[in-house]
Amino acid sequence: MTIDHLPIGMSARIVAVDWARLVPEEAQRLQALGIDLGAKVSVAHRGVFSGRDPIALSVGRMAVALRRAHAEAIEVEWL
């Protein structure tokens, strides 16, 4: 399952990231924010507009806003 399908409030662990789908600078920024293999995450909120962008993701004690295109490149498993 990818992060864009993760239910709000459900905890998961990142098991794969398709870095090739992302611009290299965006991939580096996400890694610097702790979005990488093994990280525990949960969806805190989804946008209300047509694409439901952005997705607010909790990573540790931080909240990170992701575009749906980024969330589609990140695979997770439920905890």
N, C-alpha and C. Protein backbone atom coordinates (compact mmCIF):
# COMPACT_ATOMS: atom_id res chain seq x y z
N MET A 1 0.84 -1.16 0.00
CA MET A 1 0.00 0.00 0.00
C MET A 1 0.90 1.24 0.00
N THR A 2 0.47 2.28 -0.66
CA THR A 2 1.24 3.52 -0.66
C THR A 2 0.61 4.51 0.33
N ILE A 3 1.37 5.51 0.71
CA ILE A 3 0.92 6.46 1.74
C ILE A 3 -0.39 7.15 1.35
N ASP A 4 -0.59 7.38 0.06
CA ASP A 4 -1.82 8.08 -0.34
C ASP A 4 -3.08 7.25 -0.06
N HIS A 5 -2.95 5.95 0.19
CA HIS A 5 -4.09 5.09 0.54
C HIS A 5 -4.16 4.77 2.03
N LEU A 6 -3.21 5.22 2.80
CA LEU A 6 -3.18 4.94 4.24
C LEU A 6 -4.29 5.73 4.94
N PRO A 7 -5.14 5.06 5.72
CA PRO A 7 -6.21 5.78 6.43
C PRO A 7 -5.64 6.78 7.45
N ILE A 8 -6.37 7.86 7.66
CA ILE A 8 -5.96 8.87 8.63
C ILE A 8 -5.86 8.24 10.01
N GLY A 9 -4.74 8.51 10.70
CA GLY A 9 -4.52 8.02 12.05
C GLY A 9 -3.89 6.64 12.14
N MET A 10 -3.83 5.89 11.04
CA MET A 10 -3.25 4.55 11.05
C MET A 10 -1.73 4.65 10.97
N SER A 11 -1.04 3.95 11.86
CA SER A 11 0.43 3.95 11.85
C SER A 11 0.95 2.92 10.87
N ALA A 12 2.06 3.25 10.23
CA ALA A 12 2.67 2.34 9.27
C ALA A 12 4.18 2.56 9.26
N ARG A 13 4.87 1.62 8.63
CA ARG A 13 6.33 1.71 8.48
C ARG A 13 6.63 1.76 6.98
N ILE A 14 7.56 2.63 6.60
CA ILE A 14 7.97 2.73 5.20
C ILE A 14 8.80 1.51 4.84
N VAL A 15 8.39 0.79 3.80
CA VAL A 15 9.09 -0.43 3.39
C VAL A 15 9.79 -0.27 2.04
N ALA A 16 9.39 0.72 1.25
CA ALA A 16 10.03 0.96 -0.05
C ALA A 16 9.72 2.36 -0.52
N VAL A 17 10.69 2.95 -1.20
CA VAL A 17 10.49 4.28 -1.80
C VAL A 17 11.02 4.22 -3.23
N ASP A 18 10.20 4.62 -4.18
CA ASP A 18 10.62 4.65 -5.58
C ASP A 18 11.25 6.02 -5.84
N TRP A 19 12.51 6.15 -5.45
CA TRP A 19 13.21 7.44 -5.57
C TRP A 19 13.28 7.91 -7.01
N ALA A 20 13.26 6.99 -7.97
CA ALA A 20 13.36 7.36 -9.38
C ALA A 20 12.15 8.16 -9.86
N ARG A 21 11.02 8.04 -9.17
CA ARG A 21 9.81 8.80 -9.53
C ARG A 21 9.90 10.26 -9.10
N LEU A 22 10.86 10.58 -8.24
CA LEU A 22 10.96 11.93 -7.68
C LEU A 22 12.14 12.68 -8.27
N VAL A 23 12.01 13.98 -8.34
CA VAL A 23 13.13 14.83 -8.72
C VAL A 23 14.21 14.67 -7.65
N PRO A 24 15.49 14.56 -8.03
CA PRO A 24 16.55 14.31 -7.04
C PRO A 24 16.54 15.27 -5.84
N GLU A 25 16.28 16.55 -6.08
CA GLU A 25 16.25 17.52 -4.98
C GLU A 25 15.11 17.24 -4.03
N GLU A 26 13.95 16.82 -4.58
CA GLU A 26 12.80 16.49 -3.73
C GLU A 26 13.10 15.24 -2.91
N ALA A 27 13.74 14.26 -3.52
CA ALA A 27 14.10 13.03 -2.81
C ALA A 27 15.05 13.33 -1.66
N GLN A 28 16.02 14.19 -1.88
CA GLN A 28 16.97 14.56 -0.82
C GLN A 28 16.25 15.28 0.32
N ARG A 29 15.31 16.15 -0.02
CA ARG A 29 14.57 16.90 1.00
C ARG A 29 13.75 15.94 1.85
N LEU A 30 13.08 14.98 1.21
CA LEU A 30 12.28 14.02 1.96
C LEU A 30 13.14 13.16 2.87
N GLN A 31 14.30 12.74 2.39
CA GLN A 31 15.21 11.96 3.23
C GLN A 31 15.70 12.79 4.41
N ALA A 32 15.99 14.06 4.18
CA ALA A 32 16.45 14.94 5.27
C ALA A 32 15.36 15.12 6.32
N LEU A 33 14.09 14.98 5.92
CA LEU A 33 12.98 15.11 6.86
C LEU A 33 12.64 13.79 7.55
N GLY A 34 13.41 12.74 7.27
CA GLY A 34 13.21 11.46 7.94
C GLY A 34 12.32 10.49 7.20
N ILE A 35 11.95 10.81 5.97
CA ILE A 35 11.12 9.91 5.18
C ILE A 35 12.04 8.98 4.42
N ASP A 36 12.25 7.80 4.99
CA ASP A 36 13.16 6.82 4.42
C ASP A 36 12.77 5.44 4.93
N LEU A 37 13.41 4.42 4.44
CA LEU A 37 13.08 3.05 4.82
C LEU A 37 13.10 2.87 6.33
N GLY A 38 12.09 2.20 6.85
CA GLY A 38 12.01 1.90 8.27
C GLY A 38 11.35 2.96 9.12
N ALA A 39 11.13 4.15 8.59
CA ALA A 39 10.52 5.23 9.38
C ALA A 39 9.05 4.91 9.68
N LYS A 40 8.63 5.23 10.90
CA LYS A 40 7.23 5.07 11.29
C LYS A 40 6.50 6.36 10.95
N VAL A 41 5.37 6.22 10.27
CA VAL A 41 4.61 7.38 9.81
C VAL A 41 3.12 7.16 10.04
N SER A 42 2.37 8.24 9.98
CA SER A 42 0.90 8.17 9.96
C SER A 42 0.38 9.40 9.25
N VAL A 43 -0.77 9.25 8.61
CA VAL A 43 -1.41 10.38 7.93
C VAL A 43 -2.22 11.14 8.96
N ALA A 44 -1.92 12.43 9.11
CA ALA A 44 -2.63 13.26 10.08
C ALA A 44 -3.81 13.97 9.45
N HIS A 45 -3.70 14.31 8.16
CA HIS A 45 -4.75 15.10 7.51
C HIS A 45 -4.57 15.02 6.01
N ARG A 46 -5.66 15.14 5.28
CA ARG A 46 -5.64 15.24 3.83
C ARG A 46 -6.28 16.56 3.42
N GLY A 47 -5.78 17.13 2.34
CA GLY A 47 -6.36 18.36 1.82
C GLY A 47 -7.79 18.13 1.38
N VAL A 48 -8.55 19.21 1.25
CA VAL A 48 -9.96 19.11 0.91
C VAL A 48 -10.25 19.40 -0.56
N PHE A 49 -9.26 19.83 -1.30
CA PHE A 49 -9.50 20.19 -2.69
C PHE A 49 -9.47 18.96 -3.59
N SER A 50 -9.75 19.13 -4.85
CA SER A 50 -9.98 18.03 -5.80
C SER A 50 -8.97 16.89 -5.74
N GLY A 51 -7.68 17.18 -5.72
CA GLY A 51 -6.68 16.12 -5.67
C GLY A 51 -6.37 15.63 -4.28
N ARG A 52 -7.04 16.22 -3.28
CA ARG A 52 -6.81 15.90 -1.87
C ARG A 52 -5.36 16.14 -1.49
N ASP A 53 -4.78 17.17 -2.08
CA ASP A 53 -3.42 17.62 -1.76
C ASP A 53 -3.50 18.77 -0.79
N PRO A 54 -2.55 18.98 0.07
CA PRO A 54 -1.45 18.06 0.39
C PRO A 54 -1.89 17.01 1.41
N ILE A 55 -1.02 16.07 1.66
CA ILE A 55 -1.23 15.06 2.69
C ILE A 55 -0.29 15.41 3.83
N ALA A 56 -0.84 15.63 5.02
CA ALA A 56 -0.02 15.92 6.20
C ALA A 56 0.38 14.60 6.83
N LEU A 57 1.67 14.37 6.90
CA LEU A 57 2.22 13.11 7.37
C LEU A 57 2.97 13.35 8.68
N SER A 58 2.69 12.55 9.70
CA SER A 58 3.44 12.61 10.95
C SER A 58 4.62 11.66 10.86
N VAL A 59 5.82 12.20 11.07
CA VAL A 59 7.05 11.42 11.07
C VAL A 59 7.73 11.74 12.39
N GLY A 60 7.69 10.82 13.33
CA GLY A 60 8.22 11.12 14.67
C GLY A 60 7.40 12.24 15.28
N ARG A 61 8.07 13.32 15.69
CA ARG A 61 7.38 14.47 16.28
C ARG A 61 7.13 15.58 15.28
N MET A 62 7.44 15.32 14.01
CA MET A 62 7.27 16.33 12.97
C MET A 62 6.03 16.07 12.14
N ALA A 63 5.51 17.14 11.55
CA ALA A 63 4.45 17.03 10.55
C ALA A 63 5.05 17.52 9.23
N VAL A 64 4.89 16.71 8.20
CA VAL A 64 5.46 17.01 6.89
C VAL A 64 4.33 16.99 5.88
N ALA A 65 4.25 18.00 5.03
CA ALA A 65 3.24 18.04 3.97
C ALA A 65 3.82 17.43 2.71
N LEU A 66 3.10 16.45 2.16
CA LEU A 66 3.53 15.78 0.94
C LEU A 66 2.53 16.01 -0.18
N ARG A 67 3.02 16.13 -1.38
CA ARG A 67 2.14 16.10 -2.53
C ARG A 67 1.70 14.66 -2.73
N ARG A 68 0.54 14.50 -3.34
CA ARG A 68 0.02 13.16 -3.61
C ARG A 68 1.00 12.37 -4.48
N ALA A 69 1.65 13.02 -5.45
CA ALA A 69 2.62 12.35 -6.32
C ALA A 69 3.78 11.77 -5.51
N HIS A 70 4.20 12.46 -4.46
CA HIS A 70 5.26 11.95 -3.59
C HIS A 70 4.74 10.77 -2.77
N ALA A 71 3.54 10.90 -2.23
CA ALA A 71 2.96 9.84 -1.41
C ALA A 71 2.77 8.55 -2.21
N GLU A 72 2.48 8.68 -3.50
CA GLU A 72 2.30 7.50 -4.35
C GLU A 72 3.60 6.73 -4.57
N ALA A 73 4.73 7.36 -4.32
CA ALA A 73 6.04 6.71 -4.51
C ALA A 73 6.55 6.03 -3.25
N ILE A 74 5.79 6.12 -2.15
CA ILE A 74 6.24 5.59 -0.86
C ILE A 74 5.32 4.45 -0.43
N GLU A 75 5.87 3.24 -0.34
CA GLU A 75 5.11 2.07 0.08
C GLU A 75 5.27 1.84 1.58
N VAL A 76 4.17 1.48 2.22
CA VAL A 76 4.18 1.26 3.66
C VAL A 76 3.49 -0.06 4.00
N GLU A 77 3.74 -0.53 5.24
CA GLU A 77 2.99 -1.65 5.79
C GLU A 77 2.43 -1.23 7.13
N TRP A 78 1.24 -1.70 7.44
CA TRP A 78 0.61 -1.35 8.71
C TRP A 78 1.38 -1.94 9.87
N LEU A 79 1.33 -1.21 10.99
CA LEU A 79 1.96 -1.71 12.23
C LEU A 79 0.91 -2.35 13.11
